[in-house]
Amino acid sequence: MRVVTGLLRHSIILRIISLLAMTLIYISTTFMSKLIIYTDGGSRGNPGPAAGGVVIKNDKDEVILKTSKYLGETTNNQAEYEALILALQKAKGIFKAQKIKDKNLECHLDSELVVKQLNHEYKIKDEGMQKLFIIVWNLTLDFDSVKFIHIPREKNKLADEMVNRELDLREKSESLF
C-alpha cells in the first residue's frame, strides 16, 4: 500500500512539474522561430517492451523539454515513429496552435529507415508504419517547414537515455507487483 501511495505522489509531483515547465517553455519560446527535435524509439526485443524519448532544443541549442513515454509492445521501427509523434505533439503544445504557422522544425532521428521514409526516399510497405507515417505527416502540416535529418547514434545520446530510463523505470515498477 505504501509503495502505491508513494508512486501516486511521485506521479502527481511529476505532473505539476511538467505543467510548470510547459508554462516556462511557452514564455521562453514566444519569440523563437525554430525548434530542434531529437527523438529515439527502442524496444527490448523486436517486438518487445518499447519506449520513445524526446529532447527539444531552442535555436540557441538550449534544452527546453525532455520527455519519454512507454509505448507497450511494439517493434523498433514503430517505436521510432511513435517517439516522433510524441515530439511533434509536444512541439505543437509549446507553440500553441495560433503561433506555429511561422515556426520551423528540425527533426533529428538516428533511424535512417524512418528518415528516408519521411523524406520520400523509401516506400513504406508495412501497413502499421503507413498509419504512423500519416499521423506524423498530419502533425507537420501546421508548421512553416519541417526537416527530417538522419544523425548517428552518438549524436542522439540524450533521447536514447530517455528511452532507456523509461524502459528501466517500467521494469522496476513491474517487478514491484
Protein backbone atom coordinates (compact mmCIF):
# COMPACT_ATOMS: atom_id res chain seq x y z
CA MET A 1 0.00 0.00 0.00
CA ARG A 2 2.85 2.40 0.86
CA VAL A 3 4.52 1.70 -2.49
CA VAL A 4 1.32 2.51 -4.40
CA THR A 5 0.74 5.71 -2.39
CA GLY A 6 4.35 6.75 -2.95
CA LEU A 7 4.06 6.11 -6.68
CA LEU A 8 0.86 8.17 -6.85
CA ARG A 9 2.51 11.08 -5.03
CA HIS A 10 5.51 10.82 -7.32
CA SER A 11 3.21 10.84 -10.36
CA ILE A 12 1.30 13.91 -9.13
CA ILE A 13 4.52 15.80 -8.39
CA LEU A 14 5.85 14.97 -11.87
CA ARG A 15 2.61 16.25 -13.45
CA ILE A 16 2.85 19.54 -11.53
CA ILE A 17 6.48 19.98 -12.51
CA SER A 18 5.54 19.23 -16.13
CA LEU A 19 2.81 21.90 -16.09
CA LEU A 20 5.17 24.47 -14.61
CA ALA A 21 7.82 23.57 -17.17
CA MET A 22 5.31 23.94 -20.02
CA THR A 23 4.39 27.42 -18.76
CA LEU A 24 8.05 28.45 -18.67
CA ILE A 25 8.61 26.94 -22.11
CA TYR A 26 5.66 28.88 -23.53
CA ILE A 27 7.07 32.14 -22.17
CA SER A 28 10.60 31.41 -23.43
CA THR A 29 9.52 30.32 -26.93
CA THR A 30 7.21 33.18 -27.80
CA PHE A 31 9.88 34.86 -29.95
CA MET A 32 11.63 31.71 -31.15
CA SER A 33 11.27 30.68 -34.79
CA LYS A 34 12.82 27.21 -34.72
CA LEU A 35 12.78 24.08 -32.61
CA ILE A 36 15.37 21.34 -32.91
CA ILE A 37 13.94 17.95 -32.01
CA TYR A 38 15.86 14.78 -31.18
CA THR A 39 13.87 11.56 -30.95
CA ASP A 40 14.64 7.94 -30.36
CA GLY A 41 12.47 4.89 -30.11
CA GLY A 42 13.54 1.49 -28.96
CA SER A 43 12.24 -1.87 -27.89
CA ARG A 44 13.81 -4.60 -25.83
CA GLY A 45 13.08 -7.43 -28.17
CA ASN A 46 11.68 -6.86 -31.63
CA PRO A 47 8.81 -6.67 -30.92
CA GLY A 48 9.05 -6.12 -27.21
CA PRO A 49 8.50 -3.56 -24.47
CA ALA A 50 9.16 -0.20 -26.12
CA ALA A 51 9.56 3.47 -25.28
CA GLY A 52 10.12 6.76 -27.03
CA GLY A 53 12.45 9.53 -25.93
CA VAL A 54 12.26 13.18 -26.91
CA VAL A 55 14.60 16.12 -26.44
CA ILE A 56 13.55 19.53 -27.75
CA LYS A 57 16.03 22.38 -28.00
CA ASN A 58 15.57 26.00 -28.96
CA ASP A 59 17.51 27.77 -31.70
CA LYS A 60 20.23 28.58 -29.14
CA ASP A 61 20.80 24.84 -28.58
CA GLU A 62 19.33 25.01 -25.05
CA VAL A 63 17.26 22.04 -23.90
CA ILE A 64 13.71 23.21 -23.26
CA LEU A 65 11.99 19.83 -22.91
CA LYS A 66 12.97 16.24 -22.22
CA THR A 67 10.31 13.57 -22.01
CA SER A 68 9.69 9.91 -22.59
CA LYS A 69 6.74 7.58 -22.91
CA TYR A 70 6.22 3.86 -22.51
CA LEU A 71 4.72 2.53 -25.75
CA GLY A 72 3.77 -1.04 -24.82
CA GLU A 73 4.80 -3.97 -27.02
CA THR A 74 5.96 -2.83 -30.44
CA THR A 75 8.83 -3.01 -32.92
CA ASN A 76 11.90 -0.77 -33.00
CA ASN A 77 10.75 0.97 -36.18
CA GLN A 78 7.25 1.60 -34.85
CA ALA A 79 8.79 2.96 -31.64
CA GLU A 80 10.87 5.40 -33.73
CA TYR A 81 7.69 6.72 -35.35
CA GLU A 82 5.85 6.88 -32.01
CA ALA A 83 8.69 8.90 -30.49
CA LEU A 84 8.50 11.38 -33.36
CA ILE A 85 4.72 11.63 -32.94
CA LEU A 86 5.21 12.40 -29.24
CA ALA A 87 7.79 15.07 -30.12
CA LEU A 88 5.55 16.73 -32.71
CA GLN A 89 2.64 16.79 -30.26
CA LYS A 90 4.88 18.41 -27.64
CA ALA A 91 6.18 20.94 -30.19
CA LYS A 92 2.62 21.92 -31.09
CA GLY A 93 1.86 22.30 -27.39
CA ILE A 94 4.90 24.52 -26.88
CA PHE A 95 3.95 26.92 -29.64
CA LYS A 96 0.17 26.69 -29.27
CA ALA A 97 -2.00 26.37 -32.37
CA GLN A 98 -2.17 30.03 -33.39
CA LYS A 99 1.60 30.55 -33.25
CA ILE A 100 3.00 27.62 -35.22
CA LYS A 101 2.40 28.79 -38.78
CA ASP A 102 5.71 30.67 -38.88
CA LYS A 103 7.73 28.12 -36.90
CA ASN A 104 10.33 25.75 -38.31
CA LEU A 105 11.27 22.31 -37.05
CA GLU A 106 14.38 20.24 -37.48
CA CYS A 107 13.73 16.64 -36.51
CA HIS A 108 16.87 14.60 -35.83
CA LEU A 109 16.49 10.82 -35.75
CA ASP A 110 19.05 8.03 -35.67
CA SER A 111 16.77 5.76 -37.71
CA GLU A 112 17.88 6.02 -41.31
CA LEU A 113 14.87 3.97 -42.42
CA VAL A 114 12.32 6.32 -40.85
CA VAL A 115 14.10 9.46 -42.10
CA LYS A 116 14.25 8.11 -45.65
CA GLN A 117 10.57 7.15 -45.49
CA LEU A 118 9.61 10.60 -44.22
CA ASN A 119 11.73 12.25 -46.93
CA HIS A 120 10.00 10.07 -49.58
CA GLU A 121 13.19 8.23 -50.48
CA TYR A 122 11.85 4.83 -49.39
CA LYS A 123 8.41 3.32 -49.80
CA ILE A 124 6.56 2.20 -46.69
CA LYS A 125 5.35 -1.36 -47.15
CA ASP A 126 4.25 -2.15 -43.59
CA GLU A 127 0.61 -1.15 -43.02
CA GLY A 128 1.19 -0.25 -39.36
CA MET A 129 4.05 2.06 -40.30
CA GLN A 130 1.97 3.62 -43.09
CA LYS A 131 -0.58 4.67 -40.47
CA LEU A 132 2.15 6.13 -38.26
CA PHE A 133 3.61 7.98 -41.27
CA ILE A 134 0.22 9.61 -41.91
CA ILE A 135 -0.05 10.71 -38.27
CA VAL A 136 3.43 12.26 -38.46
CA TRP A 137 2.62 13.94 -41.75
CA ASN A 138 -0.62 15.42 -40.41
CA LEU A 139 1.16 16.75 -37.33
CA THR A 140 3.67 18.60 -39.51
CA LEU A 141 1.15 20.40 -41.71
CA ASP A 142 0.70 23.43 -39.44
CA PHE A 143 4.39 24.29 -39.26
CA ASP A 144 6.10 26.55 -41.78
CA SER A 145 8.76 23.96 -42.53
CA VAL A 146 9.86 20.60 -41.18
CA LYS A 147 13.14 18.86 -41.95
CA PHE A 148 13.86 15.22 -41.13
CA ILE A 149 17.58 14.67 -40.64
CA HIS A 150 19.40 11.39 -40.03
CA ILE A 151 22.09 11.59 -37.37
CA PRO A 152 24.49 8.98 -35.96
CA ARG A 153 23.52 7.35 -32.66
CA GLU A 154 26.38 9.14 -30.93
CA LYS A 155 24.67 12.49 -31.56
CA ASN A 156 21.36 11.25 -30.16
CA LYS A 157 22.50 10.24 -26.69
CA LEU A 158 20.03 12.36 -24.71
CA ALA A 159 16.98 10.94 -26.48
CA ASP A 160 18.44 7.43 -26.17
CA GLU A 161 18.90 7.99 -22.43
CA MET A 162 15.24 8.97 -22.16
CA VAL A 163 14.19 5.70 -23.85
CA ASN A 164 16.35 3.56 -21.57
CA ARG A 165 15.28 5.45 -18.47
CA GLU A 166 11.62 4.87 -19.33
CA LEU A 167 12.14 1.16 -20.02
CA ASP A 168 14.19 0.72 -16.83
CA LEU A 169 11.52 2.51 -14.81
CA ARG A 170 8.84 0.27 -16.31
CA GLU A 171 10.83 -2.86 -15.48
CA LYS A 172 11.32 -1.70 -11.88
CA SER A 173 7.63 -0.87 -11.38
CA GLU A 174 6.55 -4.25 -12.82
CA SER A 175 8.94 -6.08 -10.51
CA LEU A 176 7.24 -4.45 -7.50
CA PHE A 177 3.96 -6.23 -8.22
